[in-house]
Amino acid sequence: MIPDDRSLTERGLPLEAHQGRVLLLACGALAHEILTLKRMNGWDHLDLTCLPANLHLWPDRIPAAVEAAVLEHRDAYAQVFVVYADCGTGGLLLQKCKDLGVEMVEGPHCYSFFEGNDAFAKLADDEFSAFYLTDFLVRQFDAFVWRPMGLDRHPELRDMYFGNYTKLVYQAQTNDAGLDAKAEDCARRLGLAYERRFTGYGDLATTLARL
């Protein structure tokens, strides 16, 4: 379950307690990874609030949701940083962040920044037929892929959706044998070859470190 806004954002403190603090306004699909990085690195000056992960099903709604959240929280923080890549918004999220005067993660999507944007760009020509999963999407495969695409009810749609893909690439943020087995099963269900690549946290870690 993705933690909700109230459980992730520290509330009830006097305004002066927030001076110098940074709010990470993030996609809910990144909550686990961001909290892990905060804990590992002792980044206690970073607070986190998340928008629903399923906004990715409607990318056109992301810019407005980000704007509303920035306007709600910005007065309580020295900086708001948006932990989204473009995520299918066609540049609209970047423009919205520029209009709001806030920064965001670079890259077209989380698969790119987990791999490292430069490394992903070099792979793009060879992997145009790859379908990617992260730790989050492996855990939530049924909720975010299988059922929304209707494959639980109409498995015959698989070839229509995935007929042009050749392999599933699991970008592993962690070394977890259980997730590896589940990712391989996802590839089997989609009829795709399987490749596991350990990426760790990629550019997400280096970007947050700069904050």
N, C-alpha and C. Protein backbone atom coordinates (compact mmCIF):
# COMPACT_ATOMS: atom_id res chain seq x y z
N MET A 1 0.85 -1.20 0.00
CA MET A 1 0.00 0.00 0.00
C MET A 1 0.88 1.24 0.00
N ILE A 2 0.56 2.24 -0.84
CA ILE A 2 1.31 3.48 -0.88
C ILE A 2 0.87 4.37 0.27
N PRO A 3 1.82 4.86 1.08
CA PRO A 3 1.44 5.74 2.18
C PRO A 3 0.75 6.98 1.64
N ASP A 4 -0.24 7.47 2.39
CA ASP A 4 -0.95 8.64 1.91
C ASP A 4 -0.23 9.92 2.30
N ASP A 5 -0.77 11.03 1.84
CA ASP A 5 -0.14 12.33 2.02
C ASP A 5 0.11 12.64 3.49
N ARG A 6 -0.88 12.41 4.35
CA ARG A 6 -0.76 12.79 5.74
C ARG A 6 0.28 11.95 6.47
N SER A 7 0.40 10.66 6.10
CA SER A 7 1.34 9.80 6.79
C SER A 7 2.78 10.08 6.40
N LEU A 8 3.00 10.74 5.25
CA LEU A 8 4.35 10.98 4.77
C LEU A 8 4.83 12.40 5.02
N THR A 9 3.95 13.32 5.29
CA THR A 9 4.34 14.70 5.46
C THR A 9 4.26 15.08 6.93
N GLU A 10 5.32 15.65 7.45
CA GLU A 10 5.31 16.07 8.85
C GLU A 10 4.43 17.29 8.99
N ARG A 11 3.51 17.22 9.93
CA ARG A 11 2.55 18.29 10.10
C ARG A 11 2.55 18.77 11.54
N GLY A 12 1.92 19.92 11.76
CA GLY A 12 1.72 20.40 13.11
C GLY A 12 2.91 21.13 13.70
N LEU A 13 4.01 21.29 12.95
CA LEU A 13 5.17 22.00 13.46
C LEU A 13 5.03 23.49 13.19
N PRO A 14 5.62 24.33 14.05
CA PRO A 14 5.60 25.77 13.77
C PRO A 14 6.36 26.06 12.48
N LEU A 15 6.03 27.16 11.82
CA LEU A 15 6.59 27.47 10.52
C LEU A 15 8.10 27.51 10.54
N GLU A 16 8.70 28.06 11.65
CA GLU A 16 10.14 28.20 11.69
C GLU A 16 10.84 26.84 11.67
N ALA A 17 10.14 25.78 12.08
CA ALA A 17 10.75 24.45 12.07
C ALA A 17 10.97 23.95 10.65
N HIS A 18 10.30 24.58 9.67
CA HIS A 18 10.41 24.13 8.29
C HIS A 18 11.47 24.90 7.51
N GLN A 19 12.06 25.95 8.11
CA GLN A 19 13.04 26.73 7.38
C GLN A 19 14.24 25.87 7.02
N GLY A 20 14.62 25.90 5.73
CA GLY A 20 15.73 25.09 5.27
C GLY A 20 15.34 23.67 4.90
N ARG A 21 14.09 23.30 5.10
CA ARG A 21 13.63 21.96 4.78
C ARG A 21 13.17 21.90 3.33
N VAL A 22 13.27 20.72 2.76
CA VAL A 22 12.87 20.49 1.38
C VAL A 22 11.74 19.48 1.34
N LEU A 23 10.69 19.78 0.60
CA LEU A 23 9.60 18.84 0.41
C LEU A 23 9.79 18.13 -0.92
N LEU A 24 9.82 16.82 -0.88
CA LEU A 24 9.82 16.02 -2.09
C LEU A 24 8.38 15.69 -2.44
N LEU A 25 7.92 16.21 -3.55
CA LEU A 25 6.56 15.94 -4.03
C LEU A 25 6.68 14.86 -5.09
N ALA A 26 6.30 13.64 -4.76
CA ALA A 26 6.69 12.49 -5.57
C ALA A 26 5.51 11.67 -6.04
N CYS A 27 5.78 10.92 -7.09
CA CYS A 27 4.87 9.86 -7.53
C CYS A 27 4.82 8.79 -6.46
N GLY A 28 3.63 8.30 -6.15
CA GLY A 28 3.49 7.27 -5.13
C GLY A 28 4.26 6.00 -5.44
N ALA A 29 4.55 5.76 -6.73
CA ALA A 29 5.30 4.57 -7.10
C ALA A 29 6.75 4.63 -6.65
N LEU A 30 7.20 5.82 -6.22
CA LEU A 30 8.58 6.00 -5.78
C LEU A 30 8.71 6.12 -4.27
N ALA A 31 7.61 6.01 -3.54
CA ALA A 31 7.63 6.24 -2.10
C ALA A 31 8.61 5.32 -1.38
N HIS A 32 8.56 4.03 -1.66
CA HIS A 32 9.41 3.07 -0.98
C HIS A 32 10.89 3.38 -1.22
N GLU A 33 11.23 3.69 -2.46
CA GLU A 33 12.63 3.95 -2.81
C GLU A 33 13.13 5.25 -2.17
N ILE A 34 12.29 6.28 -2.16
CA ILE A 34 12.70 7.56 -1.56
C ILE A 34 12.88 7.41 -0.06
N LEU A 35 11.96 6.73 0.59
CA LEU A 35 12.09 6.53 2.03
C LEU A 35 13.33 5.71 2.36
N THR A 36 13.64 4.74 1.52
CA THR A 36 14.86 3.94 1.74
C THR A 36 16.10 4.81 1.61
N LEU A 37 16.16 5.64 0.58
CA LEU A 37 17.30 6.53 0.40
C LEU A 37 17.42 7.53 1.54
N LYS A 38 16.30 8.07 2.01
CA LYS A 38 16.33 8.97 3.16
C LYS A 38 16.93 8.28 4.37
N ARG A 39 16.49 7.08 4.63
CA ARG A 39 16.96 6.34 5.80
C ARG A 39 18.44 5.96 5.67
N MET A 40 18.84 5.49 4.49
CA MET A 40 20.22 5.07 4.27
C MET A 40 21.21 6.22 4.40
N ASN A 41 20.79 7.40 3.98
CA ASN A 41 21.71 8.54 3.91
C ASN A 41 21.51 9.56 5.02
N GLY A 42 20.54 9.34 5.88
CA GLY A 42 20.29 10.29 6.96
C GLY A 42 19.81 11.64 6.47
N TRP A 43 19.03 11.63 5.40
CA TRP A 43 18.54 12.89 4.83
C TRP A 43 17.30 13.36 5.60
N ASP A 44 17.51 13.77 6.84
CA ASP A 44 16.39 14.12 7.70
C ASP A 44 15.77 15.47 7.35
N HIS A 45 16.46 16.26 6.51
CA HIS A 45 15.92 17.56 6.11
C HIS A 45 14.93 17.43 4.95
N LEU A 46 14.81 16.22 4.40
CA LEU A 46 13.88 15.99 3.30
C LEU A 46 12.58 15.39 3.82
N ASP A 47 11.48 16.03 3.54
CA ASP A 47 10.16 15.47 3.83
C ASP A 47 9.57 14.93 2.53
N LEU A 48 8.59 14.07 2.66
CA LEU A 48 8.00 13.43 1.49
C LEU A 48 6.49 13.46 1.53
N THR A 49 5.90 13.85 0.42
CA THR A 49 4.46 13.68 0.24
C THR A 49 4.25 13.11 -1.16
N CYS A 50 3.27 12.23 -1.30
CA CYS A 50 3.10 11.51 -2.57
C CYS A 50 1.73 11.74 -3.18
N LEU A 51 1.71 11.81 -4.49
CA LEU A 51 0.47 11.77 -5.25
C LEU A 51 0.19 10.32 -5.63
N PRO A 52 -1.06 9.97 -5.90
CA PRO A 52 -1.40 8.57 -6.18
C PRO A 52 -0.62 8.00 -7.35
N ALA A 53 -0.10 6.79 -7.16
CA ALA A 53 0.68 6.15 -8.22
C ALA A 53 -0.15 5.92 -9.47
N ASN A 54 -1.45 5.72 -9.32
CA ASN A 54 -2.27 5.40 -10.49
C ASN A 54 -2.55 6.62 -11.37
N LEU A 55 -2.02 7.79 -11.03
CA LEU A 55 -2.11 8.92 -11.96
C LEU A 55 -1.43 8.59 -13.28
N HIS A 56 -0.51 7.62 -13.28
CA HIS A 56 0.15 7.24 -14.52
C HIS A 56 -0.82 6.64 -15.53
N LEU A 57 -1.98 6.22 -15.07
CA LEU A 57 -2.99 5.73 -16.01
C LEU A 57 -3.62 6.88 -16.78
N TRP A 58 -3.48 8.11 -16.25
CA TRP A 58 -4.02 9.31 -16.90
C TRP A 58 -2.95 10.40 -16.83
N PRO A 59 -1.89 10.30 -17.65
CA PRO A 59 -0.78 11.26 -17.55
C PRO A 59 -1.20 12.72 -17.71
N ASP A 60 -2.28 12.96 -18.44
CA ASP A 60 -2.71 14.34 -18.63
C ASP A 60 -3.16 15.00 -17.34
N ARG A 61 -3.43 14.19 -16.29
CA ARG A 61 -3.87 14.75 -15.02
C ARG A 61 -2.70 15.09 -14.10
N ILE A 62 -1.50 14.64 -14.44
CA ILE A 62 -0.36 14.82 -13.54
C ILE A 62 0.00 16.30 -13.34
N PRO A 63 0.12 17.12 -14.40
CA PRO A 63 0.52 18.51 -14.17
C PRO A 63 -0.41 19.27 -13.22
N ALA A 64 -1.71 19.10 -13.38
CA ALA A 64 -2.65 19.80 -12.50
C ALA A 64 -2.55 19.31 -11.07
N ALA A 65 -2.36 18.01 -10.90
CA ALA A 65 -2.23 17.46 -9.55
C ALA A 65 -0.96 17.96 -8.88
N VAL A 66 0.12 18.03 -9.64
CA VAL A 66 1.38 18.56 -9.10
C VAL A 66 1.21 20.03 -8.72
N GLU A 67 0.58 20.80 -9.59
CA GLU A 67 0.37 22.22 -9.30
C GLU A 67 -0.41 22.42 -8.01
N ALA A 68 -1.49 21.67 -7.85
CA ALA A 68 -2.31 21.81 -6.64
C ALA A 68 -1.50 21.49 -5.39
N ALA A 69 -0.68 20.45 -5.46
CA ALA A 69 0.11 20.05 -4.30
C ALA A 69 1.21 21.07 -4.00
N VAL A 70 1.86 21.60 -5.04
CA VAL A 70 2.88 22.62 -4.83
C VAL A 70 2.28 23.84 -4.15
N LEU A 71 1.15 24.29 -4.63
CA LEU A 71 0.51 25.47 -4.06
C LEU A 71 0.06 25.23 -2.63
N GLU A 72 -0.32 24.00 -2.34
CA GLU A 72 -0.75 23.67 -0.97
C GLU A 72 0.41 23.71 0.01
N HIS A 73 1.58 23.26 -0.40
CA HIS A 73 2.68 23.04 0.55
C HIS A 73 3.81 24.05 0.50
N ARG A 74 3.92 24.83 -0.56
CA ARG A 74 5.17 25.57 -0.78
C ARG A 74 5.47 26.59 0.31
N ASP A 75 4.46 27.19 0.94
CA ASP A 75 4.72 28.22 1.95
C ASP A 75 5.36 27.65 3.21
N ALA A 76 5.28 26.35 3.41
CA ALA A 76 5.83 25.74 4.61
C ALA A 76 7.25 25.22 4.42
N TYR A 77 7.80 25.38 3.21
CA TYR A 77 9.11 24.81 2.91
C TYR A 77 10.01 25.81 2.20
N ALA A 78 11.30 25.64 2.42
CA ALA A 78 12.27 26.46 1.71
C ALA A 78 12.30 26.10 0.23
N GLN A 79 12.03 24.83 -0.08
CA GLN A 79 12.05 24.36 -1.47
C GLN A 79 11.09 23.19 -1.63
N VAL A 80 10.40 23.15 -2.75
CA VAL A 80 9.63 21.98 -3.16
C VAL A 80 10.31 21.40 -4.39
N PHE A 81 10.59 20.12 -4.36
CA PHE A 81 11.23 19.44 -5.50
C PHE A 81 10.30 18.34 -5.97
N VAL A 82 10.02 18.33 -7.28
CA VAL A 82 9.06 17.40 -7.85
C VAL A 82 9.79 16.13 -8.31
N VAL A 83 9.43 15.01 -7.69
CA VAL A 83 10.08 13.74 -8.02
C VAL A 83 9.20 12.96 -9.01
N TYR A 84 9.09 13.54 -10.18
CA TYR A 84 8.48 12.95 -11.36
C TYR A 84 9.44 13.21 -12.51
N ALA A 85 9.50 12.31 -13.46
CA ALA A 85 10.08 12.62 -14.76
C ALA A 85 8.94 13.12 -15.65
N ASP A 86 9.13 13.13 -16.96
CA ASP A 86 8.05 13.60 -17.83
C ASP A 86 6.81 12.71 -17.74
N CYS A 87 7.03 11.41 -17.66
CA CYS A 87 5.96 10.45 -17.35
C CYS A 87 4.76 10.54 -18.30
N GLY A 88 5.04 10.75 -19.59
CA GLY A 88 3.97 10.74 -20.57
C GLY A 88 3.19 12.02 -20.69
N THR A 89 3.66 13.11 -20.08
CA THR A 89 2.91 14.37 -20.15
C THR A 89 3.29 15.20 -21.36
N GLY A 90 4.23 14.73 -22.17
CA GLY A 90 4.59 15.45 -23.39
C GLY A 90 5.19 16.82 -23.15
N GLY A 91 5.95 16.95 -22.05
CA GLY A 91 6.57 18.24 -21.74
C GLY A 91 5.71 19.16 -20.91
N LEU A 92 4.45 18.82 -20.69
CA LEU A 92 3.54 19.70 -19.95
C LEU A 92 3.93 19.81 -18.48
N LEU A 93 4.44 18.72 -17.90
CA LEU A 93 4.84 18.78 -16.50
C LEU A 93 6.06 19.68 -16.33
N LEU A 94 7.03 19.56 -17.23
CA LEU A 94 8.21 20.43 -17.16
C LEU A 94 7.80 21.89 -17.25
N GLN A 95 6.92 22.21 -18.17
CA GLN A 95 6.46 23.60 -18.31
C GLN A 95 5.72 24.05 -17.07
N LYS A 96 4.91 23.17 -16.50
CA LYS A 96 4.18 23.53 -15.28
C LYS A 96 5.14 23.83 -14.15
N CYS A 97 6.20 23.00 -14.03
CA CYS A 97 7.19 23.22 -12.97
C CYS A 97 7.93 24.54 -13.19
N LYS A 98 8.24 24.86 -14.45
CA LYS A 98 8.88 26.14 -14.74
C LYS A 98 7.97 27.30 -14.35
N ASP A 99 6.68 27.18 -14.66
CA ASP A 99 5.73 28.23 -14.31
C ASP A 99 5.64 28.42 -12.80
N LEU A 100 5.75 27.30 -12.07
CA LEU A 100 5.64 27.33 -10.61
C LEU A 100 6.96 27.70 -9.94
N GLY A 101 8.05 27.67 -10.71
CA GLY A 101 9.35 27.98 -10.14
C GLY A 101 9.93 26.86 -9.29
N VAL A 102 9.61 25.61 -9.63
CA VAL A 102 10.15 24.47 -8.89
C VAL A 102 10.91 23.57 -9.87
N GLU A 103 11.83 22.78 -9.32
CA GLU A 103 12.61 21.86 -10.13
C GLU A 103 11.98 20.48 -10.10
N MET A 104 12.39 19.63 -11.07
CA MET A 104 11.91 18.25 -11.12
C MET A 104 13.04 17.34 -11.58
N VAL A 105 12.84 16.05 -11.45
CA VAL A 105 13.82 15.07 -11.89
C VAL A 105 13.94 15.11 -13.41
N GLU A 106 15.15 14.98 -13.91
CA GLU A 106 15.35 14.95 -15.35
C GLU A 106 15.06 13.56 -15.90
N GLY A 107 14.60 13.51 -17.15
CA GLY A 107 14.40 12.23 -17.81
C GLY A 107 12.99 12.06 -18.32
N PRO A 108 12.80 11.14 -19.26
CA PRO A 108 11.48 10.90 -19.83
C PRO A 108 10.55 10.10 -18.93
N HIS A 109 11.13 9.25 -18.07
CA HIS A 109 10.32 8.39 -17.20
C HIS A 109 11.24 7.75 -16.17
N CYS A 110 10.65 7.05 -15.20
CA CYS A 110 11.45 6.47 -14.12
C CYS A 110 12.38 5.36 -14.61
N TYR A 111 12.00 4.66 -15.68
CA TYR A 111 12.89 3.62 -16.21
C TYR A 111 14.21 4.24 -16.65
N SER A 112 14.14 5.44 -17.17
CA SER A 112 15.35 6.12 -17.63
C SER A 112 16.20 6.56 -16.45
N PHE A 113 15.60 7.21 -15.45
CA PHE A 113 16.46 7.69 -14.37
C PHE A 113 16.92 6.58 -13.43
N PHE A 114 16.19 5.46 -13.34
CA PHE A 114 16.73 4.33 -12.58
C PHE A 114 17.93 3.72 -13.30
N GLU A 115 17.86 3.63 -14.61
CA GLU A 115 18.99 3.10 -15.39
C GLU A 115 20.15 4.10 -15.39
N GLY A 116 19.79 5.37 -15.26
CA GLY A 116 20.72 6.47 -15.49
C GLY A 116 20.38 7.04 -16.85
N ASN A 117 20.03 8.32 -16.92
CA ASN A 117 19.52 8.87 -18.17
C ASN A 117 20.49 8.69 -19.34
N ASP A 118 21.77 8.90 -19.08
CA ASP A 118 22.75 8.75 -20.16
C ASP A 118 22.83 7.29 -20.63
N ALA A 119 22.85 6.37 -19.67
CA ALA A 119 22.93 4.95 -20.01
C ALA A 119 21.68 4.50 -20.75
N PHE A 120 20.51 4.97 -20.31
CA PHE A 120 19.26 4.58 -20.94
C PHE A 120 19.21 5.08 -22.38
N ALA A 121 19.68 6.30 -22.60
CA ALA A 121 19.67 6.86 -23.96
C ALA A 121 20.53 6.02 -24.90
N LYS A 122 21.64 5.50 -24.39
CA LYS A 122 22.52 4.67 -25.22
C LYS A 122 21.87 3.32 -25.55
N LEU A 123 21.00 2.85 -24.65
CA LEU A 123 20.34 1.56 -24.87
C LEU A 123 19.10 1.67 -25.75
N ALA A 124 18.61 2.88 -25.93
CA ALA A 124 17.29 3.08 -26.53
C ALA A 124 17.15 2.43 -27.90
N ASP A 125 18.15 2.55 -28.75
CA ASP A 125 18.04 2.01 -30.11
C ASP A 125 17.98 0.49 -30.12
N ASP A 126 18.60 -0.14 -29.12
CA ASP A 126 18.61 -1.60 -29.06
C ASP A 126 17.45 -2.17 -28.27
N GLU A 127 16.75 -1.31 -27.52
CA GLU A 127 15.70 -1.82 -26.63
C GLU A 127 14.34 -1.17 -26.90
N PHE A 128 14.10 -0.78 -28.13
CA PHE A 128 12.81 -0.17 -28.45
C PHE A 128 11.66 -1.16 -28.32
N SER A 129 11.98 -2.47 -28.29
CA SER A 129 10.93 -3.48 -28.14
C SER A 129 10.93 -4.10 -26.74
N ALA A 130 11.50 -3.39 -25.76
CA ALA A 130 11.54 -3.89 -24.38
C ALA A 130 10.41 -3.28 -23.56
N PHE A 131 9.85 -4.11 -22.68
CA PHE A 131 8.84 -3.67 -21.72
C PHE A 131 9.52 -3.69 -20.35
N TYR A 132 9.43 -2.57 -19.60
CA TYR A 132 10.20 -2.43 -18.38
C TYR A 132 9.32 -2.57 -17.14
N LEU A 133 9.92 -3.15 -16.11
CA LEU A 133 9.32 -3.18 -14.79
C LEU A 133 10.36 -2.74 -13.77
N THR A 134 9.91 -2.01 -12.75
CA THR A 134 10.73 -1.65 -11.60
C THR A 134 10.30 -2.52 -10.41
N ASP A 135 10.96 -2.36 -9.27
CA ASP A 135 10.54 -3.10 -8.08
C ASP A 135 9.06 -2.86 -7.80
N PHE A 136 8.65 -1.59 -7.85
CA PHE A 136 7.26 -1.26 -7.56
C PHE A 136 6.32 -1.98 -8.52
N LEU A 137 6.62 -1.94 -9.82
CA LEU A 137 5.71 -2.53 -10.80
C LEU A 137 5.72 -4.06 -10.74
N VAL A 138 6.81 -4.64 -10.31
CA VAL A 138 6.79 -6.09 -10.10
C VAL A 138 5.83 -6.42 -8.97
N ARG A 139 5.94 -5.67 -7.87
CA ARG A 139 5.04 -5.91 -6.73
C ARG A 139 3.58 -5.68 -7.11
N GLN A 140 3.34 -4.67 -7.93
CA GLN A 140 1.98 -4.24 -8.24
C GLN A 140 1.58 -4.59 -9.68
N PHE A 141 2.16 -5.64 -10.23
CA PHE A 141 1.93 -5.98 -11.63
C PHE A 141 0.44 -6.20 -11.94
N ASP A 142 -0.24 -6.94 -11.11
CA ASP A 142 -1.65 -7.20 -11.37
C ASP A 142 -2.48 -5.91 -11.29
N ALA A 143 -2.16 -5.06 -10.31
CA ALA A 143 -2.95 -3.85 -10.09
C ALA A 143 -2.70 -2.78 -11.15
N PHE A 144 -1.46 -2.73 -11.69
CA PHE A 144 -1.11 -1.64 -12.60
C PHE A 144 -0.96 -2.07 -14.05
N VAL A 145 -0.87 -3.37 -14.31
CA VAL A 145 -0.71 -3.84 -15.69
C VAL A 145 -1.81 -4.84 -16.05
N TRP A 146 -1.85 -5.94 -15.36
CA TRP A 146 -2.70 -7.06 -15.77
C TRP A 146 -4.18 -6.71 -15.76
N ARG A 147 -4.67 -6.19 -14.65
CA ARG A 147 -6.11 -5.89 -14.56
C ARG A 147 -6.51 -4.64 -15.33
N PRO A 148 -5.76 -3.50 -15.23
CA PRO A 148 -6.18 -2.32 -16.00
C PRO A 148 -6.24 -2.57 -17.50
N MET A 149 -5.39 -3.49 -18.01
CA MET A 149 -5.42 -3.81 -19.44
C MET A 149 -6.46 -4.86 -19.78
N GLY A 150 -7.16 -5.35 -18.77
CA GLY A 150 -8.23 -6.33 -19.00
C GLY A 150 -7.73 -7.72 -19.28
N LEU A 151 -6.44 -7.99 -19.01
CA LEU A 151 -5.88 -9.30 -19.33
C LEU A 151 -6.37 -10.39 -18.39
N ASP A 152 -6.86 -10.01 -17.22
CA ASP A 152 -7.44 -11.00 -16.31
C ASP A 152 -8.76 -11.53 -16.86
N ARG A 153 -9.45 -10.70 -17.65
CA ARG A 153 -10.75 -11.08 -18.21
C ARG A 153 -10.66 -11.51 -19.67
N HIS A 154 -9.68 -10.95 -20.37
CA HIS A 154 -9.56 -11.24 -21.81
C HIS A 154 -8.09 -11.51 -22.14
N PRO A 155 -7.58 -12.66 -21.77
CA PRO A 155 -6.16 -12.98 -22.03
C PRO A 155 -5.81 -12.95 -23.51
N GLU A 156 -6.80 -13.05 -24.36
CA GLU A 156 -6.52 -13.01 -25.79
C GLU A 156 -6.02 -11.64 -26.25
N LEU A 157 -6.18 -10.62 -25.40
CA LEU A 157 -5.69 -9.29 -25.73
C LEU A 157 -4.17 -9.18 -25.61
N ARG A 158 -3.56 -10.16 -24.99
CA ARG A 158 -2.12 -10.09 -24.74
C ARG A 158 -1.34 -9.83 -26.03
N ASP A 159 -1.65 -10.58 -27.08
CA ASP A 159 -0.89 -10.42 -28.32
C ASP A 159 -1.12 -9.05 -28.96
N MET A 160 -2.30 -8.49 -28.76
CA MET A 160 -2.57 -7.17 -29.31
C MET A 160 -1.75 -6.10 -28.59
N TYR A 161 -1.66 -6.21 -27.26
CA TYR A 161 -0.91 -5.25 -26.48
C TYR A 161 0.61 -5.45 -26.59
N PHE A 162 1.04 -6.69 -26.56
CA PHE A 162 2.46 -6.98 -26.40
C PHE A 162 3.09 -7.70 -27.58
N GLY A 163 2.35 -7.80 -28.68
CA GLY A 163 2.86 -8.53 -29.84
C GLY A 163 4.12 -7.95 -30.44
N ASN A 164 4.35 -6.64 -30.25
CA ASN A 164 5.53 -6.00 -30.81
C ASN A 164 6.70 -5.90 -29.82
N TYR A 165 6.47 -6.39 -28.60
CA TYR A 165 7.55 -6.45 -27.63
C TYR A 165 8.29 -7.78 -27.77
N THR A 166 9.57 -7.76 -27.43
CA THR A 166 10.36 -9.00 -27.51
C THR A 166 10.84 -9.47 -26.15
N LYS A 167 11.00 -8.55 -25.20
CA LYS A 167 11.50 -8.97 -23.89
C LYS A 167 10.99 -8.05 -22.79
N LEU A 168 10.97 -8.60 -21.59
CA LEU A 168 10.67 -7.83 -20.39
C LEU A 168 11.98 -7.61 -19.65
N VAL A 169 12.29 -6.35 -19.36
CA VAL A 169 13.50 -6.00 -18.62
C VAL A 169 13.08 -5.58 -17.21
N TYR A 170 13.54 -6.34 -16.23
CA TYR A 170 13.29 -5.99 -14.83
C TYR A 170 14.46 -5.16 -14.34
N GLN A 171 14.22 -3.87 -14.11
CA GLN A 171 15.23 -2.98 -13.55
C GLN A 171 15.14 -3.08 -12.03
N ALA A 172 16.00 -3.86 -11.45
CA ALA A 172 15.93 -4.15 -10.02
C ALA A 172 16.60 -3.06 -9.20
N GLN A 173 15.85 -2.47 -8.29
CA GLN A 173 16.45 -1.52 -7.36
C GLN A 173 17.12 -2.25 -6.19
N THR A 174 16.67 -3.46 -5.92
CA THR A 174 17.20 -4.25 -4.80
C THR A 174 17.49 -5.66 -5.26
N ASN A 175 18.30 -6.36 -4.50
CA ASN A 175 18.55 -7.77 -4.76
C ASN A 175 17.59 -8.60 -3.91
N ASP A 176 16.50 -9.01 -4.52
CA ASP A 176 15.43 -9.72 -3.81
C ASP A 176 15.02 -10.91 -4.67
N ALA A 177 15.34 -12.11 -4.21
CA ALA A 177 15.06 -13.31 -4.99
C ALA A 177 13.57 -13.48 -5.24
N GLY A 178 12.75 -13.08 -4.28
CA GLY A 178 11.30 -13.19 -4.45
C GLY A 178 10.79 -12.29 -5.56
N LEU A 179 11.29 -11.05 -5.62
CA LEU A 179 10.88 -10.15 -6.69
C LEU A 179 11.41 -10.63 -8.04
N ASP A 180 12.61 -11.18 -8.04
CA ASP A 180 13.18 -11.70 -9.28
C ASP A 180 12.29 -12.81 -9.84
N ALA A 181 11.86 -13.73 -8.98
CA ALA A 181 11.00 -14.82 -9.42
C ALA A 181 9.66 -14.29 -9.92
N LYS A 182 9.13 -13.28 -9.23
CA LYS A 182 7.84 -12.73 -9.65
C LYS A 182 7.98 -12.01 -10.98
N ALA A 183 9.09 -11.28 -11.17
CA ALA A 183 9.31 -10.58 -12.44
C ALA A 183 9.43 -11.58 -13.60
N GLU A 184 10.12 -12.69 -13.35
CA GLU A 184 10.25 -13.71 -14.39
C GLU A 184 8.89 -14.30 -14.73
N ASP A 185 8.03 -14.45 -13.73
CA ASP A 185 6.69 -14.95 -13.98
C ASP A 185 5.87 -13.92 -14.78
N CYS A 186 6.08 -12.63 -14.52
CA CYS A 186 5.40 -11.59 -15.31
C CYS A 186 5.78 -11.72 -16.78
N ALA A 187 7.07 -11.95 -17.03
CA ALA A 187 7.52 -12.13 -18.42
C ALA A 187 6.85 -13.33 -19.06
N ARG A 188 6.76 -14.41 -18.31
CA ARG A 188 6.11 -15.62 -18.83
C ARG A 188 4.66 -15.35 -19.17
N ARG A 189 3.95 -14.66 -18.30
CA ARG A 189 2.54 -14.37 -18.53
C ARG A 189 2.33 -13.49 -19.76
N LEU A 190 3.32 -12.64 -20.03
CA LEU A 190 3.21 -11.75 -21.19
C LEU A 190 3.80 -12.37 -22.45
N GLY A 191 4.38 -13.56 -22.32
CA GLY A 191 4.96 -14.23 -23.47
C GLY A 191 6.23 -13.57 -23.96
N LEU A 192 7.03 -13.00 -23.05
CA LEU A 192 8.23 -12.27 -23.42
C LEU A 192 9.47 -12.93 -22.84
N ALA A 193 10.59 -12.74 -23.51
CA ALA A 193 11.87 -13.15 -22.95
C ALA A 193 12.14 -12.31 -21.70
N TYR A 194 12.99 -12.82 -20.82
CA TYR A 194 13.20 -12.17 -19.52
C TYR A 194 14.65 -11.74 -19.37
N GLU A 195 14.84 -10.51 -18.89
CA GLU A 195 16.18 -10.02 -18.55
C GLU A 195 16.09 -9.24 -17.24
N ARG A 196 16.96 -9.57 -16.32
CA ARG A 196 17.06 -8.82 -15.07
C ARG A 196 18.32 -7.97 -15.11
N ARG A 197 18.15 -6.66 -14.77
CA ARG A 197 19.29 -5.76 -14.70
C ARG A 197 19.25 -5.03 -13.37
N PHE A 198 20.30 -5.17 -12.59
CA PHE A 198 20.35 -4.43 -11.33
C PHE A 198 20.77 -3.00 -11.62
N THR A 199 19.88 -2.05 -11.37
CA THR A 199 20.17 -0.64 -11.60
C THR A 199 20.40 0.11 -10.30
N GLY A 200 19.94 -0.46 -9.18
CA GLY A 200 19.94 0.33 -7.96
C GLY A 200 19.00 1.51 -8.13
N TYR A 201 19.37 2.65 -7.56
CA TYR A 201 18.49 3.83 -7.59
C TYR A 201 18.90 4.84 -8.65
N GLY A 202 20.00 4.58 -9.34
CA GLY A 202 20.38 5.38 -10.50
C GLY A 202 20.41 6.88 -10.23
N ASP A 203 19.89 7.64 -11.17
CA ASP A 203 19.91 9.10 -11.07
C ASP A 203 18.96 9.62 -9.99
N LEU A 204 18.05 8.79 -9.51
CA LEU A 204 17.21 9.23 -8.39
C LEU A 204 18.08 9.53 -7.18
N ALA A 205 19.02 8.64 -6.89
CA ALA A 205 19.89 8.82 -5.73
C ALA A 205 20.78 10.05 -5.88
N THR A 206 21.41 10.20 -7.05
CA THR A 206 22.31 11.34 -7.23
C THR A 206 21.55 12.66 -7.25
N THR A 207 20.33 12.65 -7.78
CA THR A 207 19.52 13.88 -7.80
C THR A 207 19.13 14.29 -6.40
N LEU A 208 18.67 13.34 -5.59
CA LEU A 208 18.28 13.69 -4.22
C LEU A 208 19.47 14.09 -3.38
N ALA A 209 20.63 13.49 -3.67
CA ALA A 209 21.84 13.84 -2.91
C ALA A 209 22.20 15.31 -3.08
N ARG A 210 21.90 15.88 -4.24
CA ARG A 210 22.22 17.28 -4.49
C ARG A 210 21.32 18.21 -3.68
N LEU A 211 20.22 17.69 -3.17
CA LEU A 211 19.32 18.53 -2.37
C LEU A 211 19.76 18.64 -0.92
